[in-house]
Amino acid sequence: MELYEQDAVFTNASGAHVGPEAIRSVLRGYLDTGASIRMNDPVAFEAGDLALAHWSWTMTFPDGRAAEGATAEVLRRQADGSWRLGSRAALQPRRPEAGATSLHRSLGACVPLGRASPNEPRR
C-alpha cells in the first residue's frame, strides 16, 4: 500500500474508495475470490511531476469465468523522486451511442465502472 498517496482514490463498480486502507480492503476482496489477474502492455505519459499510466487487464476466476477491463492511473512524483498512485479508475468497454460522432466514439470507448454513460455524474 506504500504505492498509494494518503488521499489516493480507487474506483470500481461499487464506487470510490479513498486512502490506502480503503483501497487495501477492495484489493483484498479481489484476492479473496482466488482470481488471478494479468496486466497487459502498460503505457505511460509523464508531464512534469504527474504521470498517466494505462493498461488492460484480464481477471480469471477459479470457476473459469473471466473479466476484462482497463485501468487509468494518475501518479505523482514525490519529493524523494519516487512515484505514488494518486487516482485510479477501472474502466470497462462499452458501445458508443447511436448518432455519436467519430470523436465521441473514440473518446467514449471506455467509461469508469459504475457509470452507464460518460454523461452520468460520478458517484
N, C-alpha and C. Protein backbone atom coordinates (compact mmCIF):
# COMPACT_ATOMS: atom_id res chain seq x y z
N MET A 1 0.82 -1.19 0.00
CA MET A 1 0.00 0.00 0.00
C MET A 1 0.88 1.26 0.00
N GLU A 2 2.16 1.06 0.07
CA GLU A 2 3.07 2.21 0.05
C GLU A 2 3.11 2.90 -1.29
N LEU A 3 2.53 2.28 -2.31
CA LEU A 3 2.48 2.91 -3.63
C LEU A 3 1.41 3.97 -3.74
N TYR A 4 0.51 4.04 -2.75
CA TYR A 4 -0.61 4.97 -2.80
C TYR A 4 -0.38 6.19 -1.92
N GLU A 5 -0.75 7.38 -2.43
CA GLU A 5 -0.76 8.58 -1.60
C GLU A 5 -1.86 8.44 -0.55
N GLN A 6 -1.79 9.20 0.53
CA GLN A 6 -2.76 9.10 1.62
C GLN A 6 -4.18 9.42 1.16
N ASP A 7 -4.33 10.29 0.16
CA ASP A 7 -5.67 10.64 -0.32
C ASP A 7 -5.98 10.01 -1.68
N ALA A 8 -5.26 8.93 -2.01
CA ALA A 8 -5.48 8.25 -3.28
C ALA A 8 -6.92 7.76 -3.39
N VAL A 9 -7.41 7.73 -4.63
CA VAL A 9 -8.78 7.28 -4.89
C VAL A 9 -8.73 6.09 -5.84
N PHE A 10 -9.43 5.02 -5.47
CA PHE A 10 -9.55 3.82 -6.29
C PHE A 10 -11.03 3.65 -6.60
N THR A 11 -11.37 3.60 -7.89
CA THR A 11 -12.78 3.44 -8.25
C THR A 11 -13.02 2.07 -8.85
N ASN A 12 -14.19 1.54 -8.56
CA ASN A 12 -14.63 0.28 -9.17
C ASN A 12 -16.16 0.32 -9.24
N ALA A 13 -16.76 -0.81 -9.53
CA ALA A 13 -18.21 -0.85 -9.71
C ALA A 13 -18.99 -0.43 -8.47
N SER A 14 -18.39 -0.56 -7.30
CA SER A 14 -19.11 -0.19 -6.07
C SER A 14 -18.84 1.24 -5.64
N GLY A 15 -18.05 1.99 -6.40
CA GLY A 15 -17.85 3.40 -6.09
C GLY A 15 -16.39 3.78 -5.91
N ALA A 16 -16.18 4.91 -5.23
CA ALA A 16 -14.84 5.45 -4.99
C ALA A 16 -14.40 5.07 -3.59
N HIS A 17 -13.15 4.65 -3.47
CA HIS A 17 -12.57 4.24 -2.19
C HIS A 17 -11.35 5.12 -1.97
N VAL A 18 -11.31 5.84 -0.84
CA VAL A 18 -10.29 6.85 -0.61
C VAL A 18 -9.32 6.40 0.48
N GLY A 19 -8.03 6.50 0.18
CA GLY A 19 -6.98 6.20 1.14
C GLY A 19 -6.52 4.76 1.08
N PRO A 20 -5.26 4.53 1.48
CA PRO A 20 -4.67 3.19 1.39
C PRO A 20 -5.46 2.09 2.10
N GLU A 21 -6.03 2.35 3.26
CA GLU A 21 -6.74 1.29 3.98
C GLU A 21 -8.02 0.90 3.25
N ALA A 22 -8.76 1.87 2.72
CA ALA A 22 -9.98 1.55 1.95
C ALA A 22 -9.60 0.80 0.69
N ILE A 23 -8.52 1.21 0.05
CA ILE A 23 -8.07 0.54 -1.17
C ILE A 23 -7.61 -0.88 -0.85
N ARG A 24 -6.91 -1.05 0.27
CA ARG A 24 -6.47 -2.38 0.69
C ARG A 24 -7.68 -3.32 0.82
N SER A 25 -8.76 -2.83 1.41
CA SER A 25 -9.96 -3.64 1.60
C SER A 25 -10.54 -4.10 0.26
N VAL A 26 -10.58 -3.20 -0.72
CA VAL A 26 -11.10 -3.55 -2.04
C VAL A 26 -10.19 -4.59 -2.71
N LEU A 27 -8.90 -4.35 -2.66
CA LEU A 27 -7.96 -5.28 -3.29
C LEU A 27 -8.00 -6.64 -2.60
N ARG A 28 -8.14 -6.65 -1.28
CA ARG A 28 -8.25 -7.91 -0.53
C ARG A 28 -9.47 -8.69 -1.01
N GLY A 29 -10.57 -8.00 -1.27
CA GLY A 29 -11.77 -8.66 -1.78
C GLY A 29 -11.51 -9.37 -3.10
N TYR A 30 -10.73 -8.72 -3.98
CA TYR A 30 -10.39 -9.37 -5.25
C TYR A 30 -9.54 -10.61 -4.99
N LEU A 31 -8.54 -10.49 -4.14
CA LEU A 31 -7.65 -11.61 -3.85
C LEU A 31 -8.39 -12.76 -3.19
N ASP A 32 -9.33 -12.44 -2.33
CA ASP A 32 -10.08 -13.47 -1.62
C ASP A 32 -10.95 -14.33 -2.53
N THR A 33 -11.23 -13.88 -3.74
CA THR A 33 -12.01 -14.69 -4.67
C THR A 33 -11.18 -15.83 -5.25
N GLY A 34 -9.86 -15.76 -5.10
CA GLY A 34 -8.98 -16.76 -5.69
C GLY A 34 -8.67 -16.48 -7.15
N ALA A 35 -9.11 -15.34 -7.65
CA ALA A 35 -8.88 -14.98 -9.05
C ALA A 35 -7.42 -14.64 -9.29
N SER A 36 -6.99 -14.86 -10.52
CA SER A 36 -5.67 -14.40 -10.94
C SER A 36 -5.90 -13.23 -11.90
N ILE A 37 -4.94 -12.32 -11.93
CA ILE A 37 -5.08 -11.16 -12.81
C ILE A 37 -3.82 -11.01 -13.65
N ARG A 38 -4.03 -10.73 -14.92
CA ARG A 38 -2.92 -10.49 -15.84
C ARG A 38 -3.02 -9.05 -16.33
N MET A 39 -1.96 -8.29 -16.13
CA MET A 39 -1.88 -6.91 -16.61
C MET A 39 -1.17 -6.95 -17.97
N ASN A 40 -1.74 -6.26 -18.95
CA ASN A 40 -1.22 -6.30 -20.32
C ASN A 40 -0.64 -4.96 -20.74
N ASP A 41 0.46 -4.99 -21.43
CA ASP A 41 1.04 -3.86 -22.16
C ASP A 41 0.78 -2.47 -21.59
N PRO A 42 1.49 -2.08 -20.54
CA PRO A 42 1.29 -0.74 -19.97
C PRO A 42 1.80 0.36 -20.90
N VAL A 43 1.15 1.51 -20.80
CA VAL A 43 1.56 2.72 -21.50
C VAL A 43 1.59 3.82 -20.46
N ALA A 44 2.61 4.68 -20.48
CA ALA A 44 2.70 5.77 -19.51
C ALA A 44 3.08 7.07 -20.21
N PHE A 45 2.52 8.16 -19.71
CA PHE A 45 2.79 9.50 -20.21
C PHE A 45 3.19 10.35 -19.03
N GLU A 46 4.36 10.96 -19.09
CA GLU A 46 4.86 11.78 -17.99
C GLU A 46 4.81 13.25 -18.38
N ALA A 47 4.35 14.10 -17.45
CA ALA A 47 4.30 15.55 -17.67
C ALA A 47 4.70 16.22 -16.36
N GLY A 48 5.97 16.57 -16.24
CA GLY A 48 6.46 17.18 -15.01
C GLY A 48 6.37 16.20 -13.85
N ASP A 49 5.66 16.60 -12.80
CA ASP A 49 5.54 15.76 -11.61
C ASP A 49 4.29 14.89 -11.62
N LEU A 50 3.61 14.83 -12.76
CA LEU A 50 2.44 13.96 -12.90
C LEU A 50 2.68 12.96 -14.03
N ALA A 51 2.04 11.82 -13.92
CA ALA A 51 2.12 10.82 -14.98
C ALA A 51 0.77 10.12 -15.07
N LEU A 52 0.45 9.66 -16.27
CA LEU A 52 -0.75 8.87 -16.50
C LEU A 52 -0.30 7.53 -17.03
N ALA A 53 -0.72 6.46 -16.37
CA ALA A 53 -0.41 5.10 -16.82
C ALA A 53 -1.72 4.41 -17.17
N HIS A 54 -1.67 3.57 -18.19
CA HIS A 54 -2.87 2.87 -18.66
C HIS A 54 -2.46 1.48 -19.10
N TRP A 55 -3.28 0.50 -18.77
CA TRP A 55 -3.10 -0.84 -19.30
C TRP A 55 -4.42 -1.61 -19.21
N SER A 56 -4.51 -2.65 -20.00
CA SER A 56 -5.68 -3.52 -19.94
C SER A 56 -5.36 -4.67 -18.99
N TRP A 57 -6.41 -5.33 -18.53
CA TRP A 57 -6.22 -6.45 -17.61
C TRP A 57 -7.25 -7.54 -17.90
N THR A 58 -6.90 -8.74 -17.50
CA THR A 58 -7.81 -9.88 -17.56
C THR A 58 -7.77 -10.57 -16.21
N MET A 59 -8.93 -10.77 -15.61
CA MET A 59 -9.03 -11.48 -14.34
C MET A 59 -9.73 -12.81 -14.60
N THR A 60 -9.09 -13.91 -14.17
CA THR A 60 -9.66 -15.24 -14.34
C THR A 60 -9.99 -15.82 -12.98
N PHE A 61 -11.25 -16.26 -12.83
CA PHE A 61 -11.73 -16.80 -11.57
C PHE A 61 -11.53 -18.30 -11.53
N PRO A 62 -11.47 -18.90 -10.33
CA PRO A 62 -11.25 -20.34 -10.21
C PRO A 62 -12.27 -21.19 -10.99
N ASP A 63 -13.49 -20.70 -11.17
CA ASP A 63 -14.50 -21.48 -11.89
C ASP A 63 -14.40 -21.32 -13.41
N GLY A 64 -13.36 -20.59 -13.88
CA GLY A 64 -13.14 -20.42 -15.31
C GLY A 64 -13.71 -19.15 -15.91
N ARG A 65 -14.59 -18.45 -15.18
CA ARG A 65 -15.11 -17.18 -15.69
C ARG A 65 -13.96 -16.19 -15.81
N ALA A 66 -14.11 -15.26 -16.74
CA ALA A 66 -13.08 -14.23 -16.92
C ALA A 66 -13.74 -12.86 -17.04
N ALA A 67 -13.04 -11.85 -16.58
CA ALA A 67 -13.47 -10.46 -16.72
C ALA A 67 -12.31 -9.69 -17.33
N GLU A 68 -12.63 -8.72 -18.17
CA GLU A 68 -11.61 -7.90 -18.80
C GLU A 68 -11.94 -6.43 -18.59
N GLY A 69 -10.93 -5.61 -18.61
CA GLY A 69 -11.14 -4.19 -18.49
C GLY A 69 -9.83 -3.46 -18.72
N ALA A 70 -9.80 -2.22 -18.33
CA ALA A 70 -8.60 -1.39 -18.45
C ALA A 70 -8.56 -0.47 -17.25
N THR A 71 -7.41 0.09 -17.01
CA THR A 71 -7.25 0.98 -15.88
C THR A 71 -6.49 2.23 -16.31
N ALA A 72 -6.79 3.32 -15.67
CA ALA A 72 -6.06 4.57 -15.87
C ALA A 72 -5.58 5.01 -14.50
N GLU A 73 -4.29 5.23 -14.37
CA GLU A 73 -3.68 5.57 -13.09
C GLU A 73 -3.02 6.94 -13.19
N VAL A 74 -3.28 7.80 -12.22
CA VAL A 74 -2.59 9.08 -12.12
C VAL A 74 -1.55 8.93 -11.03
N LEU A 75 -0.30 9.21 -11.37
CA LEU A 75 0.80 9.12 -10.40
C LEU A 75 1.39 10.49 -10.18
N ARG A 76 1.91 10.70 -8.98
CA ARG A 76 2.54 11.98 -8.65
C ARG A 76 3.96 11.71 -8.15
N ARG A 77 4.93 12.48 -8.68
CA ARG A 77 6.31 12.36 -8.24
C ARG A 77 6.42 12.92 -6.81
N GLN A 78 7.05 12.16 -5.94
CA GLN A 78 7.23 12.57 -4.55
C GLN A 78 8.52 13.37 -4.41
N ALA A 79 8.71 14.00 -3.26
CA ALA A 79 9.90 14.82 -3.01
C ALA A 79 11.19 14.03 -3.17
N ASP A 80 11.16 12.73 -2.86
CA ASP A 80 12.37 11.90 -2.98
C ASP A 80 12.57 11.35 -4.40
N GLY A 81 11.71 11.73 -5.34
CA GLY A 81 11.83 11.28 -6.72
C GLY A 81 11.03 10.02 -7.05
N SER A 82 10.49 9.35 -6.04
CA SER A 82 9.67 8.17 -6.29
C SER A 82 8.29 8.58 -6.79
N TRP A 83 7.52 7.62 -7.24
CA TRP A 83 6.17 7.87 -7.75
C TRP A 83 5.16 7.15 -6.88
N ARG A 84 4.02 7.81 -6.63
CA ARG A 84 2.91 7.19 -5.89
C ARG A 84 1.62 7.39 -6.66
N LEU A 85 0.76 6.39 -6.52
CA LEU A 85 -0.55 6.45 -7.16
C LEU A 85 -1.45 7.43 -6.43
N GLY A 86 -2.09 8.31 -7.19
CA GLY A 86 -2.99 9.28 -6.60
C GLY A 86 -4.44 8.97 -6.90
N SER A 87 -4.70 8.48 -8.10
CA SER A 87 -6.08 8.21 -8.50
C SER A 87 -6.06 7.05 -9.48
N ARG A 88 -7.04 6.18 -9.33
CA ARG A 88 -7.13 5.03 -10.21
C ARG A 88 -8.58 4.87 -10.63
N ALA A 89 -8.79 4.66 -11.90
CA ALA A 89 -10.15 4.44 -12.41
C ALA A 89 -10.16 3.13 -13.18
N ALA A 90 -10.99 2.22 -12.76
CA ALA A 90 -11.18 0.97 -13.52
C ALA A 90 -12.15 1.28 -14.65
N LEU A 91 -11.83 0.83 -15.83
CA LEU A 91 -12.64 1.13 -17.00
C LEU A 91 -13.19 -0.15 -17.58
N GLN A 92 -14.37 -0.06 -18.15
CA GLN A 92 -14.95 -1.20 -18.84
C GLN A 92 -15.31 -0.80 -20.26
N PRO A 93 -15.15 -1.71 -21.21
CA PRO A 93 -15.54 -1.37 -22.59
C PRO A 93 -17.04 -1.12 -22.69
N ARG A 94 -17.42 -0.25 -23.59
CA ARG A 94 -18.84 -0.03 -23.85
C ARG A 94 -19.01 0.33 -25.31
N ARG A 95 -20.22 0.24 -25.79
CA ARG A 95 -20.53 0.57 -27.18
C ARG A 95 -20.93 2.04 -27.26
N PRO A 96 -20.47 2.75 -28.31
CA PRO A 96 -20.89 4.14 -28.47
C PRO A 96 -22.39 4.23 -28.75
N GLU A 97 -23.00 5.31 -28.29
CA GLU A 97 -24.42 5.53 -28.54
C GLU A 97 -24.66 5.79 -30.02
N ALA A 98 -25.84 5.45 -30.50
CA ALA A 98 -26.21 5.73 -31.88
C ALA A 98 -26.14 7.24 -32.11
N GLY A 99 -25.61 7.65 -33.23
CA GLY A 99 -25.53 9.06 -33.57
C GLY A 99 -24.30 9.77 -33.02
N ALA A 100 -23.46 9.05 -32.27
CA ALA A 100 -22.26 9.68 -31.73
C ALA A 100 -21.28 9.97 -32.87
N THR A 101 -20.57 11.08 -32.76
CA THR A 101 -19.57 11.41 -33.78
C THR A 101 -18.39 10.48 -33.60
N SER A 102 -17.50 10.44 -34.61
CA SER A 102 -16.33 9.57 -34.51
C SER A 102 -15.45 9.99 -33.33
N LEU A 103 -15.38 11.30 -33.04
CA LEU A 103 -14.60 11.74 -31.89
C LEU A 103 -15.21 11.21 -30.61
N HIS A 104 -16.53 11.32 -30.47
CA HIS A 104 -17.19 10.79 -29.28
C HIS A 104 -16.99 9.28 -29.18
N ARG A 105 -17.05 8.59 -30.31
CA ARG A 105 -16.83 7.14 -30.27
C ARG A 105 -15.41 6.84 -29.82
N SER A 106 -14.43 7.62 -30.27
CA SER A 106 -13.05 7.40 -29.87
C SER A 106 -12.83 7.72 -28.40
N LEU A 107 -13.31 8.88 -27.98
CA LEU A 107 -13.09 9.29 -26.59
C LEU A 107 -13.97 8.53 -25.62
N GLY A 108 -15.11 8.07 -26.08
CA GLY A 108 -16.04 7.40 -25.18
C GLY A 108 -15.96 5.89 -25.24
N ALA A 109 -14.85 5.35 -25.74
CA ALA A 109 -14.74 3.91 -25.87
C ALA A 109 -14.79 3.21 -24.51
N CYS A 110 -14.40 3.91 -23.46
CA CYS A 110 -14.45 3.35 -22.12
C CYS A 110 -15.03 4.38 -21.18
N VAL A 111 -15.77 3.91 -20.20
CA VAL A 111 -16.26 4.79 -19.14
C VAL A 111 -15.94 4.13 -17.82
N PRO A 112 -15.76 4.90 -16.75
CA PRO A 112 -15.47 4.29 -15.45
C PRO A 112 -16.57 3.31 -15.06
N LEU A 113 -16.16 2.22 -14.43
CA LEU A 113 -17.13 1.25 -13.93
C LEU A 113 -18.13 1.96 -13.03
N GLY A 114 -19.35 1.52 -13.08
CA GLY A 114 -20.37 2.11 -12.23
C GLY A 114 -21.10 3.27 -12.88
N ARG A 115 -20.71 3.64 -14.11
CA ARG A 115 -21.40 4.70 -14.84
C ARG A 115 -21.92 4.10 -16.14
N ALA A 116 -23.14 4.36 -16.46
CA ALA A 116 -23.74 3.83 -17.67
C ALA A 116 -23.30 4.58 -18.91
N SER A 117 -22.95 5.86 -18.76
CA SER A 117 -22.52 6.66 -19.91
C SER A 117 -21.61 7.76 -19.43
N PRO A 118 -20.83 8.36 -20.34
CA PRO A 118 -19.93 9.44 -19.95
C PRO A 118 -20.67 10.65 -19.40
N ASN A 119 -21.98 10.78 -19.69
CA ASN A 119 -22.74 11.93 -19.23
C ASN A 119 -23.32 11.75 -17.83
N GLU A 120 -23.31 10.52 -17.32
CA GLU A 120 -23.83 10.26 -15.98
C GLU A 120 -22.87 10.83 -14.94
N PRO A 121 -23.36 11.53 -13.92
CA PRO A 121 -22.48 12.11 -12.91
C PRO A 121 -21.69 11.04 -12.20
N ARG A 122 -20.48 11.41 -11.77
CA ARG A 122 -19.64 10.49 -10.99
C ARG A 122 -20.26 10.28 -9.62
N ARG A 123 -20.03 9.11 -9.07
CA ARG A 123 -20.53 8.79 -7.73
C ARG A 123 -19.54 9.23 -6.68
